[in-house]
Amino acid sequence: MFAMRTNWPLEPNSLARALEAHRRGAQPLIDLTASNPTACGFAYPEREILEALRNPRALEYHPESKGLPAARSAVAEYYRDRAGFGDSAERRGSGKRIDPERVVLTSGTSEAYTHVFRLLCEAGDEILVPAPSYPLLEFLADLADVRLVPYPLLYDHGWQIDFAGLRGAITPRSRAVVVVHPNNPTGSFVKPREAAELAEICAAREMAIVADEVFLDYGDAEPGGDRLRPYETLVGRASFAFDSAALTFTLSGLSKISALPQMKLAWIVTSGPESAVRAAVERLDVIADTYLSPSTPIQLAAPELLAMRGAMQSQLQARIAANLASLDAALAGCDAAMRLEREGGWYAVLRVPKSGSDESLAVSLLERSSLLVHPGSFYNFPSEGFLVISLIPPTVEFERGAELLVDFLRSL
C-alpha cells in the first residue's frame, strides 16, 4: 500500500527510548540538545511581532508564485552590502544588491531543498552532501527520490573540505553539491579558496551548488579579534548568493536569522551564469506556483520581522559566547574530552573516549546524570568518539550541564 520512499525504520532508537523512560519517571533533565530559541528564555519584541502580523491586507489573497514583491525585496535587502566570495576586501560593503526577481519564497528551508532537488534531479540522481552534517537531508532526499552521496570534511585544527574525497564521490549521475555555511554541527565556514575550487568543479561538470546559509549571521570572533556584532558578522562572512562560475542556490530563512522558527518563511536565491540562472528561475517559478505555500500574513510581516533580527542575534551571540566560556572552563584540565574548533553556528562538538558507541554513551549520560546530549553518529561523523551539544540553552542550566558532562567523562 505504501511507497518504498517512506519505508523508513520507524522504531525509536535506544536514546529515544531512554529519554521516554526518563520522562515517564518525571526526573529532572538538563537538555544540552535544546535548539529551539523560542523555548530558551530569550526576550522577544512581542508587541512588535504581533503588530507585524495584524496587517489588514492579510484578509485578501493575491497569489504570487515567487512570493509577494515586498517580501522578496526585504530578502534582497537582507543581502545588501554583504560580501561575495569573489570580492576583495576593498569591495566588501560597497552596495551590492540581489535582484528580488531571483528570490523565491518557501515555507521553510526543507521546502526550499525539495524545490531545488526536484528542479535538478531525475529519480535516482545524486546529490553530494558533507559528512558530518544535519540528518534532515536524508529524509528530504528520500521524498524527492534522490540519492545522497557523502563527501568528507576533515578535521585538522579546524574543518576543511576533502576535495580528493569530493571528486571521488562524483559520478555521471551527480547533479549538485550541498554546502552548509557554516556547517551544522561543526560550525565551520566554507573558506574563499574552497568556494572557488568548488565552483570550478561544479561549473566544469554542469553541477549546481546548493548553499545552506541559515546560520550565516552567527559567526564567532575572527582569530585575534573581538566578538563580531551582528552587522559586522553579516559583512565579514561571505555569502554564496552572489556571482559564481557555477549555478548556485542559496537557502536561508527567518528560523535562524530572526530566531523565529514558528513563522515558517524561507527563500532560495539563484545566482551564477546568467543563462543558467534565467532558466532555473523560470522553472522554480512554476514549481513555486504549484504550491503557493508561504502564507500571506507572514509574507506581509517579512520586512518587519527581518528588521528585528539585530536584537535577537545580539542575545543569541551573547548566550553562545557565555556558554562556550562555561564549556571551556569545565573542560580545562580534563584529559577525557576536548572541544573541537568552531567558527560559528549554535553547536559545539566534543571529542570523547571511544568506550563503545556514541549512542550508548549518550544513553549512559542520560540514565546516570539526567543529561541529554546528541551522539556524533546522528550527524554522520566518520567514527565513534563524538558528542554534539547546543550552545543556546539558558546559561545557568548549560553551566550545570557542562559540569555534569565533564564529571561523567572523567569517570570513564
Protein backbone atom coordinates (compact mmCIF):
# COMPACT_ATOMS: atom_id res chain seq x y z
CA MET A 1 0.00 0.00 0.00
CA PHE A 2 2.80 2.46 0.84
CA ALA A 3 5.60 3.86 -1.32
CA MET A 4 9.09 2.49 -0.77
CA ARG A 5 10.40 6.04 -0.41
CA THR A 6 8.69 6.22 3.00
CA ASN A 7 9.85 2.80 4.16
CA TRP A 8 11.97 4.27 6.93
CA PRO A 9 12.86 2.37 10.11
CA LEU A 10 10.26 3.80 12.48
CA GLU A 11 11.30 2.06 15.68
CA PRO A 12 12.73 4.61 18.17
CA ASN A 13 16.47 4.34 18.71
CA SER A 14 17.95 3.49 22.08
CA LEU A 15 18.43 7.15 23.07
CA ALA A 16 14.81 7.98 22.23
CA ARG A 17 13.62 5.01 24.29
CA ALA A 18 15.82 6.03 27.22
CA LEU A 19 14.53 9.62 27.02
CA GLU A 20 10.91 8.45 27.05
CA ALA A 21 11.60 6.26 30.09
CA HIS A 22 13.32 9.19 31.82
CA ARG A 23 10.32 11.45 31.18
CA ARG A 24 7.88 8.83 32.45
CA GLY A 25 9.87 8.84 35.68
CA ALA A 26 9.35 12.62 35.98
CA GLN A 27 13.01 13.10 36.79
CA PRO A 28 14.75 16.47 36.33
CA LEU A 29 16.51 16.78 32.98
CA ILE A 30 19.23 19.10 31.72
CA ASP A 31 18.82 19.27 27.95
CA LEU A 32 22.01 20.22 26.15
CA THR A 33 20.35 19.48 22.79
CA ALA A 34 17.81 22.34 23.13
CA SER A 35 17.97 24.41 19.96
CA ASN A 36 14.51 26.00 19.78
CA PRO A 37 15.19 29.68 20.53
CA THR A 38 11.56 30.32 21.48
CA ALA A 39 11.96 27.88 24.41
CA CYS A 40 15.39 29.05 25.63
CA GLY A 41 14.49 32.17 27.59
CA PHE A 42 15.23 34.93 25.08
CA ALA A 43 13.40 38.27 25.24
CA TYR A 44 11.33 38.68 22.09
CA PRO A 45 9.81 42.01 21.00
CA GLU A 46 6.33 40.53 21.43
CA ARG A 47 4.31 43.64 20.72
CA GLU A 48 6.20 44.42 17.52
CA ILE A 49 5.94 40.82 16.26
CA LEU A 50 2.21 40.62 16.89
CA GLU A 51 1.66 44.04 15.37
CA ALA A 52 3.52 42.97 12.22
CA LEU A 53 1.01 40.13 11.83
CA ARG A 54 -2.03 42.45 12.07
CA ASN A 55 -1.77 43.83 8.55
CA PRO A 56 -5.32 44.26 7.15
CA ARG A 57 -4.08 43.23 3.69
CA ALA A 58 -3.75 39.69 5.07
CA LEU A 59 -7.54 39.42 4.63
CA GLU A 60 -7.08 39.46 0.85
CA TYR A 61 -5.42 36.81 -1.30
CA HIS A 62 -3.18 37.90 -4.14
CA PRO A 63 -1.16 34.81 -5.13
CA GLU A 64 2.37 35.46 -6.36
CA SER A 65 4.28 32.38 -7.49
CA LYS A 66 7.69 33.52 -6.23
CA GLY A 67 6.25 35.40 -3.26
CA LEU A 68 4.90 38.88 -2.63
CA PRO A 69 7.20 41.55 -4.13
CA ALA A 70 7.59 43.42 -0.82
CA ALA A 71 8.72 40.25 0.96
CA ARG A 72 11.17 39.36 -1.79
CA SER A 73 12.53 42.90 -1.74
CA ALA A 74 13.04 42.59 2.03
CA VAL A 75 15.03 39.39 1.47
CA ALA A 76 17.10 41.12 -1.22
CA GLU A 77 17.75 43.99 1.21
CA TYR A 78 18.99 41.46 3.80
CA TYR A 79 21.85 40.67 1.41
CA ARG A 80 22.68 44.31 0.69
CA ASP A 81 26.35 45.14 1.27
CA ARG A 82 27.27 41.55 2.05
CA ALA A 83 30.49 40.13 0.74
CA GLY A 84 30.61 37.64 -2.09
CA PHE A 85 33.38 35.07 -2.27
CA GLY A 86 34.93 36.84 -5.23
CA ASP A 87 35.07 40.23 -3.53
CA SER A 88 38.28 41.88 -2.48
CA ALA A 89 38.47 43.49 0.95
CA GLU A 90 38.06 46.89 -0.70
CA ARG A 91 34.80 45.89 -2.42
CA ARG A 92 33.08 44.47 0.65
CA GLY A 93 30.17 46.60 1.82
CA SER A 94 30.15 48.52 -1.47
CA GLY A 95 26.40 48.50 -2.08
CA LYS A 96 25.99 45.10 -3.72
CA ARG A 97 22.40 44.01 -4.17
CA ILE A 98 20.40 40.90 -5.00
CA ASP A 99 17.74 41.13 -7.70
CA PRO A 100 14.39 40.35 -5.99
CA GLU A 101 13.33 38.54 -9.18
CA ARG A 102 15.94 35.89 -8.35
CA VAL A 103 14.35 35.28 -4.93
CA VAL A 104 11.75 32.52 -4.47
CA LEU A 105 9.96 32.31 -1.12
CA THR A 106 9.13 28.97 0.53
CA SER A 107 7.51 27.93 3.79
CA GLY A 108 10.85 26.71 5.17
CA THR A 109 14.31 25.61 4.10
CA SER A 110 13.09 22.00 3.93
CA GLU A 111 10.68 23.02 1.19
CA ALA A 112 13.44 25.05 -0.45
CA TYR A 113 15.67 21.96 -0.58
CA THR A 114 12.79 19.96 -2.07
CA HIS A 115 12.16 22.56 -4.77
CA VAL A 116 15.84 22.55 -5.75
CA PHE A 117 16.14 18.76 -5.69
CA ARG A 118 13.06 18.48 -7.91
CA LEU A 119 14.41 21.16 -10.23
CA LEU A 120 17.76 19.44 -10.72
CA CYS A 121 17.22 15.71 -10.38
CA GLU A 122 15.56 12.81 -12.08
CA ALA A 123 14.64 9.86 -9.86
CA GLY A 124 17.84 8.14 -8.75
CA ASP A 125 20.15 11.10 -9.42
CA GLU A 126 22.73 12.00 -6.79
CA ILE A 127 23.40 14.98 -4.54
CA LEU A 128 26.75 15.26 -2.75
CA VAL A 129 26.41 16.26 0.92
CA PRO A 130 29.02 16.97 3.59
CA ALA A 131 29.78 14.47 6.34
CA PRO A 132 29.36 15.34 9.18
CA SER A 133 26.13 17.23 8.62
CA TYR A 134 22.49 17.51 9.69
CA PRO A 135 20.47 14.28 9.22
CA LEU A 136 17.31 16.01 7.91
CA LEU A 137 18.73 15.89 4.38
CA GLU A 138 18.33 12.11 4.25
CA PHE A 139 14.54 12.35 4.59
CA LEU A 140 14.27 15.20 2.09
CA ALA A 141 16.28 13.20 -0.43
CA ASP A 142 14.08 10.14 0.05
CA LEU A 143 10.95 12.19 -0.55
CA ALA A 144 12.48 13.63 -3.74
CA ASP A 145 13.64 10.17 -4.97
CA VAL A 146 17.23 11.42 -4.83
CA ARG A 147 20.29 9.55 -3.56
CA LEU A 148 22.65 11.32 -1.18
CA VAL A 149 26.37 10.67 -1.55
CA PRO A 150 28.57 11.92 1.32
CA TYR A 151 31.83 13.74 0.81
CA PRO A 152 34.16 14.12 3.81
CA LEU A 153 35.03 17.12 5.91
CA LEU A 154 38.44 16.68 7.52
CA TYR A 155 39.44 18.00 10.92
CA ASP A 156 42.96 19.32 11.49
CA HIS A 157 42.86 22.31 13.87
CA GLY A 158 39.64 23.24 12.08
CA TRP A 159 37.38 21.69 9.46
CA GLN A 160 38.00 21.72 5.74
CA ILE A 161 36.54 20.11 2.63
CA ASP A 162 38.35 16.97 1.48
CA PHE A 163 38.42 17.77 -2.24
CA ALA A 164 40.00 14.46 -3.14
CA GLY A 165 37.10 12.74 -1.43
CA LEU A 166 34.61 15.09 -3.08
CA ARG A 167 35.99 14.46 -6.56
CA GLY A 168 35.99 10.74 -5.88
CA ALA A 169 32.30 10.87 -4.95
CA ILE A 170 31.23 12.42 -8.26
CA THR A 171 29.56 10.10 -10.78
CA PRO A 172 27.72 10.72 -14.06
CA ARG A 173 24.51 10.99 -12.00
CA SER A 174 25.80 13.74 -9.70
CA ARG A 175 23.68 16.88 -10.03
CA ALA A 176 24.74 19.16 -7.18
CA VAL A 177 26.97 19.66 -4.16
CA VAL A 178 25.43 20.82 -0.89
CA VAL A 179 27.47 23.05 1.40
CA VAL A 180 26.24 24.14 4.82
CA HIS A 181 27.82 27.52 5.60
CA PRO A 182 28.55 27.39 8.49
CA ASN A 183 28.12 23.67 8.91
CA ASN A 184 25.71 22.14 11.39
CA PRO A 185 27.08 20.79 13.71
CA THR A 186 30.78 21.50 13.12
CA GLY A 187 30.38 25.29 12.93
CA SER A 188 32.88 25.54 10.08
CA PHE A 189 32.56 28.12 7.31
CA VAL A 190 33.48 27.41 3.70
CA LYS A 191 36.71 29.30 3.01
CA PRO A 192 37.09 31.54 -0.09
CA ARG A 193 39.65 29.20 -1.67
CA GLU A 194 37.29 26.25 -1.07
CA ALA A 195 34.36 28.14 -2.60
CA ALA A 196 36.45 28.95 -5.68
CA GLU A 197 37.57 25.34 -6.12
CA LEU A 198 34.05 24.05 -5.60
CA ALA A 199 32.65 26.46 -8.20
CA GLU A 200 35.32 25.37 -10.68
CA ILE A 201 34.49 21.68 -10.14
CA CYS A 202 30.75 22.21 -10.46
CA ALA A 203 30.92 24.52 -13.47
CA ALA A 204 33.13 22.06 -15.37
CA ARG A 205 30.63 19.22 -14.77
CA GLU A 206 27.42 21.24 -15.13
CA MET A 207 26.58 20.59 -11.49
CA ALA A 208 24.96 23.11 -9.15
CA ILE A 209 25.94 24.33 -5.69
CA VAL A 210 23.24 24.30 -3.00
CA ALA A 211 24.38 26.54 -0.14
CA ASP A 212 22.53 26.34 3.17
CA GLU A 213 23.30 29.61 4.99
CA VAL A 214 20.73 29.55 7.79
CA PHE A 215 23.45 30.13 10.43
CA LEU A 216 25.44 32.67 8.39
CA ASP A 217 24.84 35.54 10.82
CA TYR A 218 26.18 33.59 13.80
CA GLY A 219 29.92 33.79 13.32
CA ASP A 220 32.40 33.65 16.16
CA ALA A 221 35.12 36.25 16.52
CA GLU A 222 37.82 36.26 13.88
CA PRO A 223 41.18 34.97 15.21
CA GLY A 224 42.74 37.66 17.35
CA GLY A 225 39.68 39.90 17.13
CA ASP A 226 36.77 40.88 19.31
CA ARG A 227 33.48 39.03 19.02
CA LEU A 228 31.63 40.16 15.94
CA ARG A 229 28.42 42.11 16.36
CA PRO A 230 25.56 41.04 14.06
CA TYR A 231 26.19 43.68 11.37
CA GLU A 232 29.93 43.03 11.37
CA THR A 233 29.25 39.31 11.06
CA LEU A 234 26.97 39.85 8.09
CA VAL A 235 29.55 41.95 6.28
CA GLY A 236 32.53 39.86 7.30
CA ARG A 237 31.26 36.42 6.25
CA ALA A 238 30.98 35.89 2.51
CA SER A 239 27.71 34.59 1.07
CA PHE A 240 27.17 32.22 -1.86
CA ALA A 241 24.27 34.41 -3.03
CA PHE A 242 26.41 36.44 -5.43
CA ASP A 243 28.07 35.72 -8.76
CA SER A 244 29.73 32.35 -9.22
CA ALA A 245 31.07 30.27 -12.10
CA ALA A 246 28.53 27.59 -11.16
CA LEU A 247 24.76 27.75 -10.91
CA THR A 248 24.13 28.31 -7.19
CA PHE A 249 21.06 28.14 -4.97
CA THR A 250 21.44 29.89 -1.59
CA LEU A 251 18.94 28.90 1.11
CA SER A 252 18.07 30.72 4.31
CA GLY A 253 15.08 31.89 6.33
CA LEU A 254 13.57 33.53 9.40
CA SER A 255 14.00 30.43 11.58
CA LYS A 256 17.62 31.25 12.48
CA ILE A 257 18.09 34.78 11.11
CA SER A 258 15.34 36.25 13.29
CA ALA A 259 15.10 33.31 15.74
CA LEU A 260 11.51 32.74 14.59
CA PRO A 261 11.19 29.06 13.58
CA GLN A 262 7.41 29.18 14.02
CA MET A 263 6.97 31.82 11.31
CA LYS A 264 7.86 29.40 8.51
CA LEU A 265 9.31 31.69 5.88
CA ALA A 266 12.45 30.86 3.93
CA TRP A 267 13.85 31.51 0.48
CA ILE A 268 16.03 30.46 -2.42
CA VAL A 269 18.36 32.97 -4.08
CA THR A 270 19.61 31.86 -7.50
CA SER A 271 22.96 33.09 -8.80
CA GLY A 272 25.64 32.12 -11.30
CA PRO A 273 25.89 32.25 -15.11
CA GLU A 274 23.10 34.42 -16.50
CA SER A 275 21.61 31.90 -18.92
CA ALA A 276 21.51 29.14 -16.31
CA VAL A 277 20.04 31.49 -13.69
CA ARG A 278 17.30 32.63 -16.06
CA ALA A 279 16.31 29.05 -16.92
CA ALA A 280 16.43 27.95 -13.27
CA VAL A 281 14.27 30.85 -12.05
CA GLU A 282 11.69 30.22 -14.78
CA ARG A 283 11.34 26.59 -13.67
CA LEU A 284 11.38 27.44 -9.96
CA ASP A 285 8.58 29.90 -10.71
CA VAL A 286 6.41 27.04 -11.95
CA ILE A 287 7.33 24.79 -9.01
CA ALA A 288 6.53 27.53 -6.51
CA ASP A 289 3.30 28.40 -8.32
CA THR A 290 2.22 24.78 -7.95
CA TYR A 291 2.44 25.00 -4.14
CA LEU A 292 1.92 28.70 -3.23
CA SER A 293 2.79 27.65 0.30
CA PRO A 294 4.05 30.76 2.20
CA SER A 295 1.12 32.37 3.99
CA THR A 296 0.09 35.94 3.18
CA PRO A 297 0.34 37.24 6.79
CA ILE A 298 3.93 36.04 7.14
CA GLN A 299 4.95 37.47 3.77
CA LEU A 300 3.42 40.84 4.67
CA ALA A 301 5.24 40.80 8.00
CA ALA A 302 8.58 39.73 6.50
CA PRO A 303 10.13 43.22 6.18
CA GLU A 304 9.47 43.97 9.86
CA LEU A 305 10.45 40.51 11.11
CA LEU A 306 13.74 40.74 9.23
CA ALA A 307 14.33 44.24 10.58
CA MET A 308 14.04 42.89 14.15
CA ARG A 309 16.85 40.39 13.70
CA GLY A 310 19.60 42.55 15.21
CA ALA A 311 18.21 42.47 18.75
CA MET A 312 17.62 38.71 18.64
CA GLN A 313 21.02 37.96 17.13
CA SER A 314 22.75 40.03 19.82
CA GLN A 315 21.06 37.97 22.53
CA LEU A 316 21.93 34.71 20.83
CA GLN A 317 25.55 35.73 20.25
CA ALA A 318 25.88 36.69 23.91
CA ARG A 319 24.38 33.37 25.01
CA ILE A 320 26.63 31.38 22.70
CA ALA A 321 29.72 33.23 23.96
CA ALA A 322 28.77 32.72 27.61
CA ASN A 323 28.04 29.03 27.14
CA LEU A 324 31.24 28.47 25.19
CA ALA A 325 33.17 30.07 28.05
CA SER A 326 31.38 27.80 30.57
CA LEU A 327 32.11 24.74 28.47
CA ASP A 328 35.78 25.60 28.07
CA ALA A 329 36.11 26.29 31.79
CA ALA A 330 34.56 22.92 32.59
CA LEU A 331 36.86 21.16 30.11
CA ALA A 332 40.02 22.86 31.39
CA GLY A 333 42.34 20.21 32.78
CA CYS A 334 40.05 17.39 31.61
CA ASP A 335 42.05 14.88 29.57
CA ALA A 336 38.95 12.83 28.79
CA ALA A 337 37.47 15.26 26.25
CA MET A 338 38.27 18.23 24.06
CA ARG A 339 36.13 20.75 22.23
CA LEU A 340 36.82 20.89 18.52
CA GLU A 341 37.48 24.26 16.97
CA ARG A 342 34.46 26.05 15.52
CA GLU A 343 33.79 29.30 13.69
CA GLY A 344 30.06 29.85 14.07
CA GLY A 345 26.59 28.39 14.43
CA TRP A 346 24.81 27.20 17.57
CA TYR A 347 26.59 23.93 18.32
CA ALA A 348 29.80 22.53 19.78
CA VAL A 349 31.41 19.19 19.01
CA LEU A 350 33.31 17.27 21.68
CA ARG A 351 35.82 14.52 21.01
CA VAL A 352 35.37 11.93 23.75
CA PRO A 353 36.72 8.46 24.61
CA LYS A 354 35.58 5.63 22.33
CA SER A 355 34.04 3.47 25.02
CA GLY A 356 31.50 1.74 22.81
CA SER A 357 29.13 3.58 20.51
CA ASP A 358 28.39 7.29 20.86
CA GLU A 359 24.71 6.43 21.19
CA SER A 360 25.33 4.11 24.12
CA LEU A 361 27.47 6.82 25.72
CA ALA A 362 24.62 9.33 25.35
CA VAL A 363 22.20 6.81 26.88
CA SER A 364 24.53 6.32 29.86
CA LEU A 365 24.77 10.09 30.34
CA LEU A 366 21.00 10.34 30.39
CA GLU A 367 20.48 7.46 32.78
CA ARG A 368 23.29 8.27 35.19
CA SER A 369 23.42 12.08 35.08
CA SER A 370 19.98 13.14 33.75
CA LEU A 371 21.83 14.92 30.96
CA LEU A 372 20.76 14.86 27.31
CA VAL A 373 23.33 15.24 24.51
CA HIS A 374 23.43 14.09 20.90
CA PRO A 375 25.79 11.32 19.77
CA GLY A 376 28.01 12.15 16.81
CA SER A 377 26.59 9.17 14.93
CA PHE A 378 23.35 11.14 14.47
CA TYR A 379 25.34 13.56 12.27
CA ASN A 380 27.29 11.01 10.22
CA PHE A 381 30.66 11.53 11.89
CA PRO A 382 33.30 9.21 10.39
CA SER A 383 33.85 7.24 13.59
CA GLU A 384 32.71 6.89 17.18
CA GLY A 385 34.03 9.28 19.81
CA PHE A 386 32.00 12.46 19.25
CA LEU A 387 29.20 14.22 21.11
CA VAL A 388 27.24 17.28 19.92
CA ILE A 389 25.67 19.88 22.21
CA SER A 390 23.65 23.04 21.63
CA LEU A 391 25.06 26.37 22.79
CA ILE A 392 21.79 28.23 23.30
CA PRO A 393 20.18 26.67 26.42
CA PRO A 394 19.82 29.07 29.39
CA THR A 395 23.26 29.84 30.80
CA VAL A 396 22.76 28.55 34.35
CA GLU A 397 21.36 25.27 33.07
CA PHE A 398 24.13 24.97 30.48
CA GLU A 399 26.86 25.60 33.06
CA ARG A 400 25.50 22.86 35.31
CA GLY A 401 25.18 20.54 32.33
CA ALA A 402 28.77 21.14 31.29
CA GLU A 403 29.96 20.28 34.79
CA LEU A 404 27.93 17.05 34.84
CA LEU A 405 29.21 16.12 31.40
CA VAL A 406 32.85 16.56 32.38
CA ASP A 407 32.36 14.66 35.67
CA PHE A 408 30.82 11.77 33.74
CA LEU A 409 33.61 11.68 31.15
CA ARG A 410 36.27 11.72 33.84
CA SER A 411 34.64 8.63 35.37
CA LEU A 412 35.05 6.57 32.20
